[in-house]
Amino acid sequence: MNAEALIDAHLLDGKLSRGELVAQMLASEAPTDRARPFYEGMRSLGARTPELSLIALRLVLAGRRADDAAVVRLRDLVEAARAGGSQAEAARLAYGAELSAGG
């Protein structure tokens, strides 16, 4: 799995614990210079890496700016997707759209 898919599996599906996610991501090099500081943080913090950092990294990996507004928007979509119910699928689609939108 690539870094984006690993983060998505953790954030949206809970398929990986944060520790597993960080370990798998650190097994490979940071894919871009913009992502390198996030990888250094994960190396230092391990499983204690904040979820907001992972969300910001996901934006960076998508070529987007990880400003406060974008991180909060993506976090809200992740929470809605995790909550399940009638809005979960719409939240997942909006999450994908947010990451594919021009940044």
C-alpha atoms as a PDB file:
ATOM      1  CA  MET A   1       0.000   0.000   0.000  1.00  0.00           C
ATOM      2  CA  ASN A   2       1.230   3.501  -0.735  1.00  0.00           C
ATOM      3  CA  ALA A   3       1.328   6.207   1.934  1.00  0.00           C
ATOM      4  CA  GLU A   4      -1.971   7.745   0.863  1.00  0.00           C
ATOM      5  CA  ALA A   5      -3.794   4.408   1.024  1.00  0.00           C
ATOM      6  CA  LEU A   6      -2.249   3.639   4.415  1.00  0.00           C
ATOM      7  CA  ILE A   7      -3.431   6.937   5.878  1.00  0.00           C
ATOM      8  CA  ASP A   8      -6.893   6.491   4.353  1.00  0.00           C
ATOM      9  CA  ALA A   9      -7.137   2.965   5.784  1.00  0.00           C
ATOM     10  CA  HIS A  10      -6.325   4.341   9.230  1.00  0.00           C
ATOM     11  CA  LEU A  11      -8.455   7.479   9.106  1.00  0.00           C
ATOM     12  CA  LEU A  12     -11.541   6.179   7.350  1.00  0.00           C
ATOM     13  CA  ASP A  13     -11.637   2.474   8.059  1.00  0.00           C
ATOM     14  CA  GLY A  14      -9.660   1.955  11.251  1.00  0.00           C
ATOM     15  CA  LYS A  15      -7.881  -0.925   9.524  1.00  0.00           C
ATOM     16  CA  LEU A  16      -4.530   0.085  10.995  1.00  0.00           C
ATOM     17  CA  SER A  17      -3.739   1.313  14.469  1.00  0.00           C
ATOM     18  CA  ARG A  18      -1.774   4.534  14.578  1.00  0.00           C
ATOM     19  CA  GLY A  19       1.326   2.571  15.615  1.00  0.00           C
ATOM     20  CA  GLU A  20       0.959   0.176  12.684  1.00  0.00           C
ATOM     21  CA  LEU A  21       0.401   3.066  10.292  1.00  0.00           C
ATOM     22  CA  VAL A  22       3.479   4.942  11.480  1.00  0.00           C
ATOM     23  CA  ALA A  23       5.656   1.813  11.376  1.00  0.00           C
ATOM     24  CA  GLN A  24       4.610   1.001   7.817  1.00  0.00           C
ATOM     25  CA  MET A  25       5.090   4.563   6.643  1.00  0.00           C
ATOM     26  CA  LEU A  26       8.523   4.828   8.217  1.00  0.00           C
ATOM     27  CA  ALA A  27       9.569   1.642   6.453  1.00  0.00           C
ATOM     28  CA  SER A  28       9.750   3.742   3.297  1.00  0.00           C
ATOM     29  CA  GLU A  29      11.248   7.138   2.589  1.00  0.00           C
ATOM     30  CA  ALA A  30       9.153  10.282   2.517  1.00  0.00           C
ATOM     31  CA  PRO A  31       7.759  10.548  -0.998  1.00  0.00           C
ATOM     32  CA  THR A  32       8.326  14.317  -1.306  1.00  0.00           C
ATOM     33  CA  ASP A  33      10.406  17.044   0.262  1.00  0.00           C
ATOM     34  CA  ARG A  34       7.192  18.622   1.574  1.00  0.00           C
ATOM     35  CA  ALA A  35       6.365  15.372   3.401  1.00  0.00           C
ATOM     36  CA  ARG A  36       9.811  14.920   4.938  1.00  0.00           C
ATOM     37  CA  PRO A  37       9.114  16.990   8.115  1.00  0.00           C
ATOM     38  CA  PHE A  38       6.038  14.869   8.827  1.00  0.00           C
ATOM     39  CA  TYR A  39       8.104  11.696   8.556  1.00  0.00           C
ATOM     40  CA  GLU A  40      10.708  13.169  10.928  1.00  0.00           C
ATOM     41  CA  GLY A  41       7.912  13.907  13.396  1.00  0.00           C
ATOM     42  CA  MET A  42       6.571  10.370  13.092  1.00  0.00           C
ATOM     43  CA  ARG A  43      10.070   9.018  13.681  1.00  0.00           C
ATOM     44  CA  SER A  44      10.223  10.992  16.940  1.00  0.00           C
ATOM     45  CA  LEU A  45       6.678  10.425  18.158  1.00  0.00           C
ATOM     46  CA  GLY A  46       5.846   6.967  16.832  1.00  0.00           C
ATOM     47  CA  ALA A  47       2.340   5.878  17.802  1.00  0.00           C
ATOM     48  CA  ARG A  48       1.883   9.189  19.635  1.00  0.00           C
ATOM     49  CA  THR A  49       1.861  11.054  16.305  1.00  0.00           C
ATOM     50  CA  PRO A  50      -1.206  13.322  16.457  1.00  0.00           C
ATOM     51  CA  GLU A  51      -4.061  12.470  14.144  1.00  0.00           C
ATOM     52  CA  LEU A  52      -4.151  16.071  12.935  1.00  0.00           C
ATOM     53  CA  SER A  53      -0.564  15.616  11.748  1.00  0.00           C
ATOM     54  CA  LEU A  54      -1.630  12.564   9.767  1.00  0.00           C
ATOM     55  CA  ILE A  55      -4.495  14.526   8.235  1.00  0.00           C
ATOM     56  CA  ALA A  56      -2.107  17.363   7.325  1.00  0.00           C
ATOM     57  CA  LEU A  57       0.307  14.840   5.819  1.00  0.00           C
ATOM     58  CA  ARG A  58      -2.514  13.323   3.769  1.00  0.00           C
ATOM     59  CA  LEU A  59      -3.243  16.762   2.321  1.00  0.00           C
ATOM     60  CA  VAL A  60       0.443  17.290   1.517  1.00  0.00           C
ATOM     61  CA  LEU A  61       0.673  13.899  -0.170  1.00  0.00           C
ATOM     62  CA  ALA A  62      -2.292  14.919  -2.330  1.00  0.00           C
ATOM     63  CA  GLY A  63      -0.405  18.059  -3.368  1.00  0.00           C
ATOM     64  CA  ARG A  64      -2.667  20.282  -1.281  1.00  0.00           C
ATOM     65  CA  ARG A  65      -1.854  22.973   1.244  1.00  0.00           C
ATOM     66  CA  ALA A  66      -2.194  21.767   4.806  1.00  0.00           C
ATOM     67  CA  ASP A  67      -3.467  25.042   6.230  1.00  0.00           C
ATOM     68  CA  ASP A  68      -5.701  25.120   9.296  1.00  0.00           C
ATOM     69  CA  ALA A  69      -8.950  25.385   7.328  1.00  0.00           C
ATOM     70  CA  ALA A  70      -8.121  22.424   5.080  1.00  0.00           C
ATOM     71  CA  VAL A  71      -7.059  20.238   8.025  1.00  0.00           C
ATOM     72  CA  VAL A  72     -10.239  21.057   9.962  1.00  0.00           C
ATOM     73  CA  ARG A  73     -12.406  20.361   6.889  1.00  0.00           C
ATOM     74  CA  LEU A  74     -10.755  16.992   6.339  1.00  0.00           C
ATOM     75  CA  ARG A  75     -10.945  16.124  10.056  1.00  0.00           C
ATOM     76  CA  ASP A  76     -14.678  16.867  10.058  1.00  0.00           C
ATOM     77  CA  LEU A  77     -15.168  14.600   7.032  1.00  0.00           C
ATOM     78  CA  VAL A  78     -13.156  11.818   8.692  1.00  0.00           C
ATOM     79  CA  GLU A  79     -15.293  12.079  11.827  1.00  0.00           C
ATOM     80  CA  ALA A  80     -18.505  11.986   9.781  1.00  0.00           C
ATOM     81  CA  ALA A  81     -17.296   8.949   7.829  1.00  0.00           C
ATOM     82  CA  ARG A  82     -16.323   7.134  11.023  1.00  0.00           C
ATOM     83  CA  ALA A  83     -19.656   7.896  12.657  1.00  0.00           C
ATOM     84  CA  GLY A  84     -21.450   5.780  10.098  1.00  0.00           C
ATOM     85  CA  GLY A  85     -25.102   6.282   9.408  1.00  0.00           C
ATOM     86  CA  SER A  86     -26.714   7.942   6.451  1.00  0.00           C
ATOM     87  CA  GLN A  87     -24.050  10.638   6.025  1.00  0.00           C
ATOM     88  CA  ALA A  88     -20.998   8.372   6.089  1.00  0.00           C
ATOM     89  CA  GLU A  89     -20.848   7.640   2.369  1.00  0.00           C
ATOM     90  CA  ALA A  90     -21.325  11.307   1.482  1.00  0.00           C
ATOM     91  CA  ALA A  91     -18.497  12.195   3.883  1.00  0.00           C
ATOM     92  CA  ARG A  92     -16.205   9.603   2.262  1.00  0.00           C
ATOM     93  CA  LEU A  93     -16.974  11.011  -1.189  1.00  0.00           C
ATOM     94  CA  ALA A  94     -16.367  14.571   0.032  1.00  0.00           C
ATOM     95  CA  TYR A  95     -13.065  13.423   1.590  1.00  0.00           C
ATOM     96  CA  GLY A  96     -11.938  12.103  -1.801  1.00  0.00           C
ATOM     97  CA  ALA A  97     -13.127  15.241  -3.553  1.00  0.00           C
ATOM     98  CA  GLU A  98     -11.290  17.442  -1.049  1.00  0.00           C
ATOM     99  CA  LEU A  99      -8.049  15.585  -1.731  1.00  0.00           C
ATOM    100  CA  SER A 100      -8.429  15.652  -5.499  1.00  0.00           C
ATOM    101  CA  ALA A 101      -9.456  19.308  -5.720  1.00  0.00           C
ATOM    102  CA  GLY A 102      -6.891  21.697  -7.126  1.00  0.00           C
ATOM    103  CA  GLY A 103      -4.753  22.978  -4.304  1.00  0.00           C
END
